């Protein structure tokens, strides 16, 4: 059921709901860790760090918009679903409007990406394109890997390893073993958030044929 009365939600509040602000610390945390490592190694650069922070938040919002849009069409967001209101399923934002929102977030992320490419070179382009495609393909496209138990892998890689290592790289312009090692537990922590989320949604996900890791293993594992 909806967490709040839909009729009381304004347009501005609807877009805030679509962005899912409570998920943003999960995107910000790895960037903070990567920046802290750069500070410790004497490589801190404030503008690349700020750009990485903004880029990570935009990628999280992009993933949230795309998830809301795709889960609506795949039937995963029903009235029986627990948790926060989903804006497309509740009619707060139309699918067409959310598509334009997705385009806008991609454009903003691309602008930040251009600066980070200028700083870090072509490896950042490859990582950025992969991150955007992965965010869209999480629950969308012909093979939505979030529906096939691969969502946890996506989160671990992009919101753990890539976020920590990428943030460090655009400041230090190099990557060392201790940074990669530090990224592993961060990725695991962020992935745990997804696991808890999927445990909450296990019944509606199963009904929608969404084979998350929680659905495949069950509540008892």
N, C-alpha and C. Protein backbone atom coordinates (compact mmCIF):
# COMPACT_ATOMS: atom_id res chain seq x y z
N UNK A 1 0.85 -1.20 0.00
CA UNK A 1 0.00 0.00 0.00
C UNK A 1 0.88 1.25 0.00
N UNK A 2 0.29 2.40 -0.44
CA UNK A 2 1.07 3.64 -0.46
C UNK A 2 1.40 4.07 0.96
N UNK A 3 2.60 4.63 1.13
CA UNK A 3 3.06 5.02 2.45
C UNK A 3 2.37 6.29 2.92
N UNK A 4 1.98 7.17 1.98
CA UNK A 4 1.29 8.41 2.32
C UNK A 4 0.12 8.57 1.37
N UNK A 5 -0.94 9.34 1.77
CA UNK A 5 -2.07 9.56 0.87
C UNK A 5 -1.62 10.23 -0.42
N UNK A 6 -1.92 9.59 -1.55
CA UNK A 6 -1.44 10.09 -2.83
C UNK A 6 -2.01 11.47 -3.14
N UNK A 7 -3.28 11.71 -2.75
CA UNK A 7 -3.92 12.98 -3.09
C UNK A 7 -3.26 14.17 -2.41
N UNK A 8 -2.48 13.93 -1.36
CA UNK A 8 -1.84 15.03 -0.62
C UNK A 8 -0.43 15.34 -1.11
N UNK A 9 0.02 14.64 -2.14
CA UNK A 9 1.39 14.80 -2.63
C UNK A 9 1.41 15.79 -3.80
N UNK A 10 2.23 16.84 -3.68
CA UNK A 10 2.35 17.83 -4.74
C UNK A 10 3.25 17.31 -5.85
N UNK A 11 3.28 18.05 -6.96
CA UNK A 11 4.14 17.65 -8.09
C UNK A 11 5.61 17.64 -7.67
N UNK A 12 6.00 18.66 -6.94
CA UNK A 12 7.40 18.72 -6.49
C UNK A 12 7.71 17.54 -5.57
N UNK A 13 6.80 17.25 -4.66
CA UNK A 13 7.01 16.12 -3.76
C UNK A 13 7.06 14.80 -4.52
N UNK A 14 6.28 14.71 -5.60
CA UNK A 14 6.27 13.49 -6.40
C UNK A 14 7.64 13.23 -7.02
N UNK A 15 8.28 14.28 -7.53
CA UNK A 15 9.60 14.11 -8.13
C UNK A 15 10.65 13.79 -7.07
N UNK A 16 10.47 14.35 -5.87
CA UNK A 16 11.38 13.99 -4.77
C UNK A 16 11.20 12.52 -4.42
N UNK A 17 9.95 12.05 -4.38
CA UNK A 17 9.68 10.64 -4.12
C UNK A 17 10.32 9.76 -5.19
N UNK A 18 10.22 10.19 -6.45
CA UNK A 18 10.80 9.41 -7.54
C UNK A 18 12.31 9.30 -7.40
N UNK A 19 12.94 10.35 -6.89
CA UNK A 19 14.39 10.33 -6.69
C UNK A 19 14.81 9.44 -5.53
N UNK A 20 13.87 9.15 -4.62
CA UNK A 20 14.13 8.29 -3.46
C UNK A 20 15.33 8.79 -2.64
N UNK A 21 15.18 9.94 -2.00
CA UNK A 21 16.31 10.55 -1.28
C UNK A 21 16.94 9.66 -0.21
N UNK A 22 16.16 8.75 0.36
CA UNK A 22 16.73 7.88 1.40
C UNK A 22 17.77 6.91 0.84
N UNK A 23 17.79 6.73 -0.50
CA UNK A 23 18.79 5.85 -1.10
C UNK A 23 20.08 6.59 -1.43
N UNK A 24 20.06 7.92 -1.41
CA UNK A 24 21.22 8.68 -1.86
C UNK A 24 22.46 8.52 -0.98
N UNK A 25 22.32 8.36 0.34
CA UNK A 25 23.53 8.10 1.13
C UNK A 25 24.30 6.86 0.69
N UNK A 26 23.59 5.87 0.14
CA UNK A 26 24.28 4.67 -0.35
C UNK A 26 25.17 4.99 -1.54
N UNK A 27 24.80 6.02 -2.31
CA UNK A 27 25.64 6.45 -3.43
C UNK A 27 26.74 7.39 -2.96
N UNK A 28 26.44 8.20 -1.96
CA UNK A 28 27.42 9.18 -1.47
C UNK A 28 28.52 8.53 -0.65
N UNK A 29 28.18 7.52 0.14
CA UNK A 29 29.15 6.90 1.03
C UNK A 29 30.42 6.41 0.36
N UNK A 30 30.31 5.64 -0.74
CA UNK A 30 31.53 5.18 -1.41
C UNK A 30 32.40 6.32 -1.94
N UNK A 31 31.76 7.41 -2.38
CA UNK A 31 32.53 8.57 -2.86
C UNK A 31 33.29 9.20 -1.70
N UNK A 32 32.66 9.28 -0.55
CA UNK A 32 33.33 9.82 0.64
C UNK A 32 34.54 8.96 1.00
N UNK A 33 34.37 7.64 0.91
CA UNK A 33 35.49 6.73 1.22
C UNK A 33 36.62 6.93 0.22
N UNK A 34 36.29 7.00 -1.07
CA UNK A 34 37.32 7.21 -2.09
C UNK A 34 38.06 8.52 -1.89
N UNK A 35 37.31 9.56 -1.51
CA UNK A 35 37.93 10.86 -1.26
C UNK A 35 38.80 10.82 -0.01
N UNK A 36 38.34 10.13 1.02
CA UNK A 36 39.14 10.01 2.25
C UNK A 36 40.46 9.31 1.97
N UNK A 37 40.44 8.31 1.11
CA UNK A 37 41.67 7.62 0.73
C UNK A 37 42.60 8.56 -0.04
N UNK A 38 42.02 9.40 -0.89
CA UNK A 38 42.83 10.38 -1.63
C UNK A 38 43.46 11.38 -0.67
N UNK A 39 42.69 11.82 0.32
CA UNK A 39 43.23 12.74 1.33
C UNK A 39 44.39 12.09 2.07
N UNK A 40 44.21 10.84 2.48
CA UNK A 40 45.25 10.13 3.22
C UNK A 40 46.53 9.97 2.41
N UNK A 41 46.37 9.85 1.09
CA UNK A 41 47.53 9.67 0.22
C UNK A 41 48.07 10.99 -0.33
N UNK A 42 47.53 12.11 0.14
CA UNK A 42 48.00 13.41 -0.31
C UNK A 42 47.62 13.74 -1.73
N UNK A 43 46.52 13.16 -2.22
CA UNK A 43 46.12 13.36 -3.61
C UNK A 43 44.77 14.06 -3.75
N UNK A 44 44.26 14.62 -2.66
CA UNK A 44 42.93 15.22 -2.69
C UNK A 44 42.85 16.36 -3.70
N UNK A 45 41.78 16.35 -4.51
CA UNK A 45 41.50 17.43 -5.45
C UNK A 45 40.01 17.74 -5.33
N UNK A 46 39.68 18.91 -4.85
CA UNK A 46 38.31 19.17 -4.44
C UNK A 46 37.32 19.17 -5.59
N UNK A 47 37.70 19.70 -6.76
CA UNK A 47 36.73 19.78 -7.86
C UNK A 47 36.41 18.40 -8.44
N UNK A 48 37.41 17.56 -8.74
CA UNK A 48 37.08 16.19 -9.17
C UNK A 48 36.28 15.42 -8.12
N UNK A 49 36.60 15.64 -6.83
CA UNK A 49 35.86 14.96 -5.77
C UNK A 49 34.40 15.40 -5.76
N UNK A 50 34.17 16.70 -5.92
CA UNK A 50 32.81 17.22 -5.95
C UNK A 50 32.05 16.70 -7.17
N UNK A 51 32.74 16.65 -8.32
CA UNK A 51 32.11 16.14 -9.54
C UNK A 51 31.76 14.66 -9.40
N UNK A 52 32.65 13.90 -8.79
CA UNK A 52 32.38 12.47 -8.57
C UNK A 52 31.18 12.30 -7.64
N UNK A 53 31.09 13.14 -6.63
CA UNK A 53 29.97 13.10 -5.68
C UNK A 53 28.65 13.37 -6.40
N UNK A 54 28.63 14.43 -7.20
CA UNK A 54 27.41 14.78 -7.94
C UNK A 54 27.06 13.69 -8.96
N UNK A 55 28.07 13.17 -9.63
CA UNK A 55 27.83 12.11 -10.61
C UNK A 55 27.25 10.86 -9.98
N UNK A 56 27.74 10.50 -8.81
CA UNK A 56 27.23 9.31 -8.11
C UNK A 56 25.77 9.50 -7.71
N UNK A 57 25.43 10.69 -7.23
CA UNK A 57 24.04 10.96 -6.86
C UNK A 57 23.13 10.89 -8.08
N UNK A 58 23.59 11.44 -9.20
CA UNK A 58 22.79 11.41 -10.42
C UNK A 58 22.59 9.98 -10.93
N UNK A 59 23.62 9.16 -10.83
CA UNK A 59 23.48 7.76 -11.26
C UNK A 59 22.49 7.01 -10.37
N UNK A 60 22.49 7.32 -9.08
CA UNK A 60 21.52 6.69 -8.18
C UNK A 60 20.10 7.14 -8.52
N UNK A 61 19.93 8.43 -8.77
CA UNK A 61 18.61 8.94 -9.15
C UNK A 61 18.17 8.34 -10.48
N UNK A 62 19.10 8.23 -11.43
CA UNK A 62 18.78 7.61 -12.72
C UNK A 62 18.30 6.18 -12.52
N UNK A 63 19.01 5.43 -11.70
CA UNK A 63 18.61 4.05 -11.42
C UNK A 63 17.23 4.00 -10.77
N UNK A 64 16.95 4.94 -9.87
CA UNK A 64 15.65 4.98 -9.21
C UNK A 64 14.52 5.33 -10.18
N UNK A 65 14.75 6.33 -11.04
CA UNK A 65 13.75 6.69 -12.05
C UNK A 65 13.47 5.50 -12.97
N UNK A 66 14.54 4.89 -13.47
CA UNK A 66 14.40 3.78 -14.41
C UNK A 66 13.71 2.59 -13.75
N UNK A 67 14.03 2.35 -12.47
CA UNK A 67 13.41 1.26 -11.74
C UNK A 67 11.92 1.49 -11.55
N UNK A 68 11.55 2.70 -11.19
CA UNK A 68 10.14 3.05 -11.01
C UNK A 68 9.38 2.85 -12.32
N UNK A 69 9.97 3.32 -13.41
CA UNK A 69 9.35 3.23 -14.74
C UNK A 69 9.20 1.77 -15.19
N UNK A 70 10.28 1.01 -15.11
CA UNK A 70 10.27 -0.36 -15.63
C UNK A 70 9.44 -1.30 -14.77
N UNK A 71 9.54 -1.16 -13.45
CA UNK A 71 8.77 -2.04 -12.56
C UNK A 71 7.27 -1.83 -12.74
N UNK A 72 6.87 -0.61 -13.08
CA UNK A 72 5.45 -0.34 -13.35
C UNK A 72 4.98 -1.16 -14.54
N UNK A 73 5.73 -1.13 -15.63
CA UNK A 73 5.31 -1.84 -16.83
C UNK A 73 5.44 -3.36 -16.69
N UNK A 74 6.33 -3.81 -15.83
CA UNK A 74 6.50 -5.25 -15.63
C UNK A 74 5.60 -5.80 -14.53
N UNK A 75 4.83 -4.94 -13.91
CA UNK A 75 3.85 -5.39 -12.93
C UNK A 75 4.39 -5.68 -11.56
N UNK A 76 5.59 -5.18 -11.25
CA UNK A 76 6.18 -5.44 -9.93
C UNK A 76 5.66 -4.48 -8.86
N UNK A 77 5.23 -3.28 -9.29
CA UNK A 77 4.73 -2.29 -8.33
C UNK A 77 3.20 -2.34 -8.29
N UNK A 78 2.67 -3.13 -7.39
CA UNK A 78 1.23 -3.28 -7.23
C UNK A 78 0.77 -2.66 -5.92
N UNK A 79 -0.54 -2.67 -5.68
CA UNK A 79 -1.07 -2.12 -4.43
C UNK A 79 -0.63 -2.94 -3.22
N UNK A 80 -0.28 -4.19 -3.46
CA UNK A 80 0.15 -5.06 -2.35
C UNK A 80 1.59 -4.81 -1.93
N UNK A 81 2.32 -4.06 -2.76
CA UNK A 81 3.73 -3.84 -2.47
C UNK A 81 3.91 -3.00 -1.21
N UNK A 82 4.87 -3.40 -0.38
CA UNK A 82 5.20 -2.64 0.83
C UNK A 82 6.22 -1.56 0.49
N UNK A 83 6.38 -0.60 1.39
CA UNK A 83 7.43 0.40 1.21
C UNK A 83 6.92 1.71 0.66
N UNK A 84 7.85 2.61 0.28
CA UNK A 84 7.50 3.96 -0.18
C UNK A 84 6.64 3.94 -1.44
N UNK A 85 5.92 5.03 -1.65
CA UNK A 85 5.08 5.19 -2.83
C UNK A 85 5.92 5.17 -4.10
N UNK A 86 5.45 4.46 -5.11
CA UNK A 86 6.08 4.46 -6.42
C UNK A 86 5.27 5.39 -7.33
N UNK A 87 5.92 6.37 -7.90
CA UNK A 87 5.21 7.48 -8.53
C UNK A 87 4.49 7.08 -9.81
N UNK A 88 5.04 6.16 -10.58
CA UNK A 88 4.38 5.76 -11.82
C UNK A 88 3.16 4.91 -11.53
N UNK A 89 3.32 3.91 -10.68
CA UNK A 89 2.21 3.01 -10.35
C UNK A 89 1.07 3.75 -9.67
N UNK A 90 1.39 4.78 -8.90
CA UNK A 90 0.36 5.53 -8.17
C UNK A 90 -0.27 6.63 -9.02
N UNK A 91 0.28 6.89 -10.21
CA UNK A 91 -0.25 7.92 -11.09
C UNK A 91 0.21 9.32 -10.78
N UNK A 92 1.16 9.47 -9.88
CA UNK A 92 1.66 10.80 -9.53
C UNK A 92 2.46 11.42 -10.68
N UNK A 93 3.19 10.60 -11.40
CA UNK A 93 3.96 11.04 -12.56
C UNK A 93 3.67 10.06 -13.69
N UNK A 94 3.37 10.58 -14.86
CA UNK A 94 3.06 9.70 -15.98
C UNK A 94 4.34 9.04 -16.52
N UNK A 95 4.20 7.90 -17.19
CA UNK A 95 5.39 7.26 -17.78
C UNK A 95 6.14 8.19 -18.73
N UNK A 96 5.38 8.98 -19.51
CA UNK A 96 6.03 9.89 -20.46
C UNK A 96 6.86 10.94 -19.73
N UNK A 97 6.31 11.48 -18.65
CA UNK A 97 7.04 12.48 -17.87
C UNK A 97 8.29 11.87 -17.24
N UNK A 98 8.16 10.65 -16.75
CA UNK A 98 9.32 10.02 -16.11
C UNK A 98 10.40 9.71 -17.14
N UNK A 99 9.98 9.37 -18.38
CA UNK A 99 10.98 9.17 -19.44
C UNK A 99 11.78 10.43 -19.67
N UNK A 100 11.11 11.58 -19.69
CA UNK A 100 11.82 12.84 -19.86
C UNK A 100 12.71 13.13 -18.65
N UNK A 101 12.25 12.73 -17.48
CA UNK A 101 13.10 12.87 -16.29
C UNK A 101 14.36 12.05 -16.42
N UNK A 102 14.23 10.84 -16.95
CA UNK A 102 15.39 9.97 -17.17
C UNK A 102 16.36 10.62 -18.15
N UNK A 103 15.82 11.19 -19.23
CA UNK A 103 16.66 11.87 -20.22
C UNK A 103 17.40 13.04 -19.57
N UNK A 104 16.69 13.81 -18.75
CA UNK A 104 17.31 14.96 -18.10
C UNK A 104 18.44 14.56 -17.16
N UNK A 105 18.24 13.49 -16.40
CA UNK A 105 19.28 13.03 -15.48
C UNK A 105 20.49 12.52 -16.26
N UNK A 106 20.25 11.80 -17.36
CA UNK A 106 21.37 11.33 -18.18
C UNK A 106 22.16 12.52 -18.74
N UNK A 107 21.44 13.56 -19.19
CA UNK A 107 22.11 14.74 -19.73
C UNK A 107 22.97 15.42 -18.66
N UNK A 108 22.44 15.55 -17.46
CA UNK A 108 23.20 16.17 -16.37
C UNK A 108 24.42 15.33 -16.01
N UNK A 109 24.23 14.01 -15.96
CA UNK A 109 25.36 13.12 -15.66
C UNK A 109 26.42 13.18 -16.75
N UNK A 110 25.97 13.31 -18.01
CA UNK A 110 26.92 13.39 -19.12
C UNK A 110 27.76 14.66 -19.05
N UNK A 111 27.15 15.77 -18.65
CA UNK A 111 27.91 17.02 -18.51
C UNK A 111 29.00 16.89 -17.45
N UNK A 112 28.64 16.31 -16.33
CA UNK A 112 29.65 16.07 -15.29
C UNK A 112 30.69 15.09 -15.79
N UNK A 113 30.23 14.09 -16.53
CA UNK A 113 31.15 13.10 -17.08
C UNK A 113 32.17 13.70 -18.02
N UNK A 114 31.78 14.71 -18.81
CA UNK A 114 32.72 15.35 -19.72
C UNK A 114 33.89 15.96 -18.95
N UNK A 115 33.56 16.60 -17.83
CA UNK A 115 34.63 17.17 -17.01
C UNK A 115 35.53 16.07 -16.45
N UNK A 116 34.93 14.99 -15.95
CA UNK A 116 35.72 13.91 -15.36
C UNK A 116 36.56 13.20 -16.42
N UNK A 117 36.05 13.12 -17.65
CA UNK A 117 36.85 12.55 -18.75
C UNK A 117 38.05 13.45 -19.03
N UNK A 118 37.83 14.76 -19.00
CA UNK A 118 38.94 15.70 -19.21
C UNK A 118 40.00 15.53 -18.12
N UNK A 119 39.55 15.23 -16.90
CA UNK A 119 40.49 15.04 -15.79
C UNK A 119 41.16 13.68 -15.86
N UNK A 120 40.35 12.64 -16.04
CA UNK A 120 40.85 11.27 -15.89
C UNK A 120 41.09 10.50 -17.17
N UNK A 121 40.70 11.07 -18.31
CA UNK A 121 40.96 10.40 -19.57
C UNK A 121 39.88 9.41 -19.98
N UNK A 122 40.19 8.66 -21.05
CA UNK A 122 39.22 7.76 -21.66
C UNK A 122 38.73 6.63 -20.75
N UNK A 123 39.50 6.15 -19.79
CA UNK A 123 38.94 5.13 -18.89
C UNK A 123 37.66 5.60 -18.19
N UNK A 124 37.58 6.89 -17.89
CA UNK A 124 36.39 7.42 -17.24
C UNK A 124 35.20 7.38 -18.19
N UNK A 125 35.44 7.60 -19.48
CA UNK A 125 34.36 7.50 -20.47
C UNK A 125 33.77 6.09 -20.47
N UNK A 126 34.64 5.10 -20.51
CA UNK A 126 34.18 3.71 -20.53
C UNK A 126 33.38 3.37 -19.28
N UNK A 127 33.89 3.79 -18.14
CA UNK A 127 33.20 3.51 -16.87
C UNK A 127 31.86 4.24 -16.81
N UNK A 128 31.85 5.50 -17.25
CA UNK A 128 30.62 6.28 -17.21
C UNK A 128 29.52 5.72 -18.09
N UNK A 129 29.89 5.36 -19.32
CA UNK A 129 28.90 4.77 -20.24
C UNK A 129 28.37 3.46 -19.67
N UNK A 130 29.27 2.63 -19.15
CA UNK A 130 28.86 1.35 -18.56
C UNK A 130 27.92 1.57 -17.38
N UNK A 131 28.20 2.57 -16.56
CA UNK A 131 27.36 2.84 -15.39
C UNK A 131 25.96 3.29 -15.79
N UNK A 132 25.88 4.16 -16.80
CA UNK A 132 24.57 4.62 -17.27
C UNK A 132 23.76 3.47 -17.86
N UNK A 133 24.41 2.67 -18.71
CA UNK A 133 23.71 1.53 -19.31
C UNK A 133 23.26 0.53 -18.25
N UNK A 134 24.10 0.31 -17.25
CA UNK A 134 23.74 -0.63 -16.19
C UNK A 134 22.57 -0.11 -15.37
N UNK A 135 22.54 1.20 -15.11
CA UNK A 135 21.43 1.79 -14.35
C UNK A 135 20.11 1.61 -15.10
N UNK A 136 20.16 1.77 -16.42
CA UNK A 136 18.95 1.61 -17.24
C UNK A 136 18.54 0.14 -17.36
N UNK A 137 19.54 -0.73 -17.43
CA UNK A 137 19.27 -2.16 -17.65
C UNK A 137 18.99 -2.92 -16.36
N UNK A 138 19.05 -2.24 -15.23
CA UNK A 138 18.82 -2.92 -13.95
C UNK A 138 17.44 -3.58 -13.93
N UNK A 139 16.41 -2.84 -14.32
CA UNK A 139 15.08 -3.44 -14.44
C UNK A 139 14.45 -3.19 -15.80
N UNK A 140 15.19 -2.59 -16.74
CA UNK A 140 14.65 -2.28 -18.05
C UNK A 140 15.37 -3.02 -19.16
N UNK A 141 14.87 -2.84 -20.39
CA UNK A 141 15.51 -3.45 -21.54
C UNK A 141 15.15 -4.91 -21.72
N UNK A 142 15.74 -5.55 -22.74
CA UNK A 142 15.41 -6.95 -23.05
C UNK A 142 15.91 -7.95 -22.02
N UNK A 143 16.95 -7.59 -21.26
CA UNK A 143 17.46 -8.49 -20.22
C UNK A 143 17.67 -7.70 -18.94
N UNK A 144 16.59 -7.44 -18.20
CA UNK A 144 16.71 -6.68 -16.96
C UNK A 144 17.37 -7.52 -15.88
N UNK A 145 18.66 -7.31 -15.65
CA UNK A 145 19.39 -8.26 -14.80
C UNK A 145 18.94 -8.23 -13.35
N UNK A 146 18.23 -7.18 -12.94
CA UNK A 146 17.64 -7.18 -11.61
C UNK A 146 16.56 -8.24 -11.46
N UNK A 147 16.01 -8.70 -12.59
CA UNK A 147 14.98 -9.73 -12.58
C UNK A 147 15.57 -11.13 -12.65
N UNK A 148 16.88 -11.22 -12.77
CA UNK A 148 17.53 -12.53 -12.91
C UNK A 148 18.60 -12.75 -11.84
N UNK A 149 18.42 -12.13 -10.70
CA UNK A 149 19.32 -12.36 -9.58
C UNK A 149 20.68 -11.70 -9.70
N UNK A 150 20.82 -10.77 -10.66
CA UNK A 150 22.12 -10.14 -10.89
C UNK A 150 22.18 -8.70 -10.37
N UNK A 151 21.09 -8.24 -9.76
CA UNK A 151 21.08 -6.89 -9.24
C UNK A 151 22.12 -6.66 -8.17
N UNK A 152 22.35 -7.68 -7.35
CA UNK A 152 23.35 -7.57 -6.28
C UNK A 152 24.75 -7.38 -6.86
N UNK A 153 25.02 -8.07 -7.97
CA UNK A 153 26.32 -7.94 -8.64
C UNK A 153 26.49 -6.52 -9.17
N UNK A 154 25.44 -5.99 -9.79
CA UNK A 154 25.46 -4.63 -10.32
C UNK A 154 25.77 -3.62 -9.21
N UNK A 155 25.08 -3.74 -8.09
CA UNK A 155 25.28 -2.79 -6.98
C UNK A 155 26.69 -2.91 -6.42
N UNK A 156 27.15 -4.13 -6.22
CA UNK A 156 28.50 -4.34 -5.67
C UNK A 156 29.56 -3.71 -6.57
N UNK A 157 29.42 -3.91 -7.88
CA UNK A 157 30.43 -3.39 -8.81
C UNK A 157 30.37 -1.87 -8.93
N UNK A 158 29.18 -1.33 -9.24
CA UNK A 158 29.09 0.09 -9.59
C UNK A 158 28.97 1.01 -8.38
N UNK A 159 28.28 0.55 -7.32
CA UNK A 159 28.14 1.41 -6.15
C UNK A 159 29.13 1.04 -5.06
N UNK A 160 30.02 0.11 -5.36
CA UNK A 160 31.08 -0.25 -4.44
C UNK A 160 32.44 -0.04 -5.08
N UNK A 161 32.85 -1.01 -5.90
CA UNK A 161 34.18 -0.96 -6.51
C UNK A 161 34.39 0.27 -7.39
N UNK A 162 33.46 0.49 -8.32
CA UNK A 162 33.63 1.60 -9.27
C UNK A 162 33.55 2.95 -8.56
N UNK A 163 32.61 3.09 -7.64
CA UNK A 163 32.44 4.39 -6.96
C UNK A 163 33.67 4.76 -6.13
N UNK A 164 34.17 3.82 -5.34
CA UNK A 164 35.34 4.10 -4.51
C UNK A 164 36.58 4.31 -5.37
N UNK A 165 36.84 3.34 -6.25
CA UNK A 165 38.06 3.41 -7.07
C UNK A 165 38.02 4.56 -8.06
N UNK A 166 36.84 4.81 -8.65
CA UNK A 166 36.72 5.91 -9.60
C UNK A 166 36.92 7.26 -8.95
N UNK A 167 36.37 7.44 -7.76
CA UNK A 167 36.55 8.69 -7.03
C UNK A 167 38.02 8.93 -6.71
N UNK A 168 38.69 7.89 -6.27
CA UNK A 168 40.12 8.01 -5.98
C UNK A 168 40.90 8.32 -7.26
N UNK A 169 40.56 7.63 -8.33
CA UNK A 169 41.32 7.76 -9.58
C UNK A 169 41.27 9.17 -10.16
N UNK A 170 40.08 9.80 -10.15
CA UNK A 170 39.98 11.14 -10.75
C UNK A 170 40.72 12.18 -9.92
N UNK A 171 41.13 11.84 -8.73
CA UNK A 171 41.92 12.76 -7.91
C UNK A 171 43.41 12.42 -7.97
N UNK A 172 43.74 11.14 -7.84
CA UNK A 172 45.15 10.73 -7.81
C UNK A 172 45.70 10.38 -9.18
N UNK A 173 44.80 10.12 -10.15
CA UNK A 173 45.17 9.70 -11.50
C UNK A 173 45.98 8.40 -11.51
N UNK A 174 45.77 7.61 -10.50
CA UNK A 174 46.36 6.27 -10.42
C UNK A 174 45.47 5.44 -9.51
N UNK A 175 45.71 4.15 -9.47
CA UNK A 175 44.92 3.26 -8.63
C UNK A 175 45.84 2.25 -7.98
N UNK A 176 45.69 2.06 -6.69
CA UNK A 176 46.57 1.16 -5.95
C UNK A 176 45.76 0.04 -5.29
N UNK A 177 46.48 -0.98 -4.87
CA UNK A 177 45.84 -2.15 -4.29
C UNK A 177 45.03 -1.85 -3.05
N UNK A 178 45.53 -0.96 -2.21
CA UNK A 178 44.81 -0.69 -0.96
C UNK A 178 43.48 -0.01 -1.20
N UNK A 179 43.36 0.73 -2.31
CA UNK A 179 42.09 1.36 -2.65
C UNK A 179 41.08 0.30 -3.08
N UNK A 180 41.52 -0.63 -3.90
CA UNK A 180 40.64 -1.71 -4.35
C UNK A 180 40.18 -2.55 -3.16
N UNK A 181 41.10 -2.85 -2.26
CA UNK A 181 40.74 -3.63 -1.07
C UNK A 181 39.72 -2.89 -0.20
N UNK A 182 39.90 -1.58 -0.07
CA UNK A 182 38.96 -0.79 0.73
C UNK A 182 37.58 -0.74 0.09
N UNK A 183 37.54 -0.85 -1.24
CA UNK A 183 36.26 -0.78 -1.94
C UNK A 183 35.41 -2.03 -1.74
N UNK A 184 36.04 -3.16 -1.46
CA UNK A 184 35.31 -4.43 -1.35
C UNK A 184 34.29 -4.40 -0.20
N UNK A 185 34.68 -4.07 1.03
CA UNK A 185 33.67 -4.04 2.10
C UNK A 185 32.61 -2.96 1.91
N UNK A 186 32.99 -1.86 1.26
CA UNK A 186 32.01 -0.81 0.98
C UNK A 186 30.96 -1.34 0.01
N UNK A 187 31.41 -2.04 -1.02
CA UNK A 187 30.47 -2.65 -1.96
C UNK A 187 29.56 -3.65 -1.27
N UNK A 188 30.11 -4.41 -0.34
CA UNK A 188 29.31 -5.39 0.39
C UNK A 188 28.25 -4.71 1.25
N UNK A 189 28.61 -3.61 1.89
CA UNK A 189 27.66 -2.88 2.73
C UNK A 189 26.50 -2.31 1.91
N UNK A 190 26.84 -1.71 0.77
CA UNK A 190 25.79 -1.15 -0.08
C UNK A 190 24.90 -2.26 -0.64
N UNK A 191 25.50 -3.39 -0.99
CA UNK A 191 24.72 -4.51 -1.49
C UNK A 191 23.75 -5.03 -0.44
N UNK A 192 24.16 -4.98 0.82
CA UNK A 192 23.27 -5.42 1.90
C UNK A 192 21.99 -4.61 1.96
N UNK A 193 22.07 -3.33 1.59
CA UNK A 193 20.87 -2.49 1.56
C UNK A 193 19.88 -3.05 0.54
N UNK A 194 20.40 -3.44 -0.63
CA UNK A 194 19.54 -4.03 -1.66
C UNK A 194 18.94 -5.34 -1.19
N UNK A 195 19.74 -6.15 -0.51
CA UNK A 195 19.25 -7.44 -0.01
C UNK A 195 18.08 -7.24 0.94
N UNK A 196 18.21 -6.30 1.87
CA UNK A 196 17.12 -6.01 2.82
C UNK A 196 15.88 -5.51 2.07
N UNK A 197 16.10 -4.65 1.09
CA UNK A 197 15.01 -4.13 0.27
C UNK A 197 14.27 -5.26 -0.43
N UNK A 198 15.03 -6.18 -1.00
CA UNK A 198 14.43 -7.28 -1.74
C UNK A 198 13.74 -8.29 -0.82
N UNK A 199 14.23 -8.43 0.40
CA UNK A 199 13.53 -9.27 1.37
C UNK A 199 12.15 -8.69 1.69
N UNK A 200 12.08 -7.38 1.79
CA UNK A 200 10.79 -6.72 2.03
C UNK A 200 9.82 -6.98 0.88
N UNK A 201 10.34 -6.97 -0.35
CA UNK A 201 9.50 -7.08 -1.55
C UNK A 201 9.37 -8.52 -2.06
N UNK A 202 9.78 -9.51 -1.29
CA UNK A 202 9.90 -10.87 -1.80
C UNK A 202 8.59 -11.42 -2.36
N UNK A 203 7.47 -11.14 -1.71
CA UNK A 203 6.19 -11.69 -2.16
C UNK A 203 5.72 -11.06 -3.46
N UNK A 204 5.77 -9.72 -3.55
CA UNK A 204 5.33 -9.06 -4.78
C UNK A 204 6.32 -9.30 -5.91
N UNK A 205 7.61 -9.41 -5.61
CA UNK A 205 8.59 -9.72 -6.65
C UNK A 205 8.35 -11.13 -7.21
N UNK A 206 8.06 -12.07 -6.33
CA UNK A 206 7.79 -13.44 -6.78
C UNK A 206 6.56 -13.47 -7.68
N UNK A 207 5.53 -12.72 -7.30
CA UNK A 207 4.30 -12.68 -8.10
C UNK A 207 4.54 -12.05 -9.47
N UNK A 208 5.49 -11.11 -9.54
CA UNK A 208 5.81 -10.43 -10.80
C UNK A 208 6.88 -11.16 -11.60
N UNK A 209 7.27 -12.35 -11.14
CA UNK A 209 8.31 -13.14 -11.80
C UNK A 209 9.65 -12.42 -11.81
N UNK A 210 9.89 -11.68 -10.74
CA UNK A 210 11.16 -10.96 -10.57
C UNK A 210 12.06 -11.81 -9.68
N UNK A 211 13.03 -12.47 -10.29
CA UNK A 211 13.85 -13.44 -9.57
C UNK A 211 15.06 -12.78 -8.92
N UNK A 212 14.80 -12.00 -7.88
CA UNK A 212 15.90 -11.43 -7.12
C UNK A 212 16.59 -12.54 -6.32
N UNK A 213 17.74 -12.22 -5.78
CA UNK A 213 18.44 -13.21 -4.96
C UNK A 213 17.58 -13.63 -3.77
N UNK A 214 16.84 -12.69 -3.21
CA UNK A 214 15.95 -13.00 -2.09
C UNK A 214 14.87 -13.98 -2.49
N UNK A 215 14.30 -13.80 -3.68
CA UNK A 215 13.27 -14.71 -4.17
C UNK A 215 13.85 -16.10 -4.40
N UNK A 216 15.05 -16.16 -4.98
CA UNK A 216 15.65 -17.46 -5.30
C UNK A 216 16.07 -18.23 -4.05
N UNK A 217 16.56 -17.52 -3.03
CA UNK A 217 17.03 -18.19 -1.82
C UNK A 217 15.94 -18.34 -0.76
N UNK A 218 14.95 -17.44 -0.79
CA UNK A 218 13.91 -17.48 0.22
C UNK A 218 14.32 -16.73 1.47
N UNK A 219 13.38 -16.51 2.36
CA UNK A 219 13.65 -15.75 3.57
C UNK A 219 14.65 -16.43 4.49
N UNK A 220 14.68 -17.76 4.46
CA UNK A 220 15.59 -18.49 5.34
C UNK A 220 16.96 -18.70 4.70
N UNK A 221 17.11 -18.34 3.42
CA UNK A 221 18.40 -18.50 2.74
C UNK A 221 18.68 -19.93 2.42
